[in-house]
Amino acid sequence: MNGTWQLQDAKNRLSEVIELALNQGPQLITRRGRKTAVIISYREYAKTRKPTRTLSEFFRFSPLIDIELERDKSLPRDEGKL
């Protein structure tokens, strides 16, 4: 963590906390001596939200799943024979 701020100080100097988060990295906010929150830039936040793979890639490369997926190439069922 690049900076640590008590909540009251962070509230009073919010613009500075945000500027430091943008230029120097995450800023830790404490309340009553306990770690409470972290201020990060939107760019850093977006990195945490972006999936690194598609769901199909996840299953294809997962060492936990040993299945082979094949597409069913049979013709559709005849709806009249149900």
Protein backbone atom coordinates (compact mmCIF):
# COMPACT_ATOMS: atom_id res chain seq x y z
CA MET A 1 0.00 0.00 0.00
CA ASN A 2 1.45 3.35 -0.97
CA GLY A 3 -0.44 5.54 1.50
CA THR A 4 -2.45 5.05 4.67
CA TRP A 5 -5.10 7.53 5.75
CA GLN A 6 -7.30 7.81 8.80
CA LEU A 7 -10.91 8.14 7.66
CA GLN A 8 -11.32 11.70 8.92
CA ASP A 9 -8.13 12.83 7.15
CA ALA A 10 -9.18 11.08 3.95
CA LYS A 11 -12.58 12.81 4.06
CA ASN A 12 -10.99 16.21 4.60
CA ARG A 13 -8.40 15.68 1.85
CA LEU A 14 -10.35 13.51 -0.59
CA SER A 15 -9.01 15.26 -3.70
CA GLU A 16 -5.45 14.60 -2.56
CA VAL A 17 -6.22 10.95 -1.75
CA ILE A 18 -7.70 10.47 -5.22
CA GLU A 19 -4.78 12.19 -6.91
CA LEU A 20 -2.34 9.94 -5.05
CA ALA A 21 -4.37 6.85 -6.01
CA LEU A 22 -4.16 7.91 -9.65
CA ASN A 23 -0.44 8.68 -9.62
CA GLN A 24 1.11 6.51 -6.91
CA GLY A 25 -1.25 3.58 -6.41
CA PRO A 26 -3.78 2.31 -3.88
CA GLN A 27 -4.50 4.38 -0.76
CA LEU A 28 -5.55 2.53 2.41
CA ILE A 29 -8.27 4.05 4.61
CA THR A 30 -8.44 3.12 8.30
CA ARG A 31 -11.19 3.71 10.83
CA ARG A 32 -10.43 3.42 14.53
CA GLY A 33 -7.08 1.85 13.64
CA ARG A 34 -8.60 -0.92 11.49
CA LYS A 35 -8.11 -1.33 7.75
CA THR A 36 -11.46 -0.38 6.25
CA ALA A 37 -11.24 0.51 2.56
CA VAL A 38 -8.88 1.06 -0.34
CA ILE A 39 -9.06 3.87 -2.89
CA ILE A 40 -7.78 2.81 -6.31
CA SER A 41 -7.90 4.39 -9.74
CA TYR A 42 -10.66 3.35 -12.10
CA ARG A 43 -8.04 1.83 -14.41
CA GLU A 44 -6.86 -0.48 -11.61
CA TYR A 45 -10.46 -1.36 -10.74
CA ALA A 46 -11.27 -2.18 -14.37
CA LYS A 47 -8.34 -4.61 -14.48
CA THR A 48 -9.86 -6.56 -11.59
CA ARG A 49 -13.26 -6.77 -13.29
CA LYS A 50 -12.12 -7.88 -16.73
CA PRO A 51 -12.26 -11.65 -17.23
CA THR A 52 -8.98 -13.07 -18.43
CA ARG A 53 -10.64 -15.88 -20.40
CA THR A 54 -13.99 -16.80 -21.80
CA LEU A 55 -16.01 -19.44 -19.98
CA SER A 56 -15.36 -22.01 -22.71
CA GLU A 57 -11.60 -21.37 -22.46
CA PHE A 58 -11.78 -21.82 -18.71
CA PHE A 59 -13.37 -25.26 -19.09
CA ARG A 60 -11.13 -26.24 -21.99
CA PHE A 61 -7.91 -25.54 -20.09
CA SER A 62 -9.01 -26.47 -16.56
CA PRO A 63 -6.95 -29.31 -15.04
CA LEU A 64 -9.92 -30.12 -12.80
CA ILE A 65 -12.22 -31.18 -15.60
CA ASP A 66 -11.42 -34.15 -17.78
CA ILE A 67 -14.19 -34.15 -20.36
CA GLU A 68 -14.24 -33.86 -24.10
CA LEU A 69 -16.89 -31.63 -25.53
CA GLU A 70 -18.28 -32.46 -28.95
CA ARG A 71 -21.16 -30.87 -30.72
CA ASP A 72 -24.14 -33.14 -31.34
CA LYS A 73 -24.38 -33.34 -35.14
CA SER A 74 -27.63 -35.33 -35.29
CA LEU A 75 -30.70 -33.86 -36.96
CA PRO A 76 -33.29 -32.10 -34.78
CA ARG A 77 -36.14 -34.17 -33.37
CA ASP A 78 -39.37 -34.36 -35.32
CA GLU A 79 -41.81 -32.34 -33.20
CA GLY A 80 -44.77 -34.34 -34.54
CA LYS A 81 -43.57 -37.65 -33.00
CA LEU A 82 -43.44 -36.47 -29.36
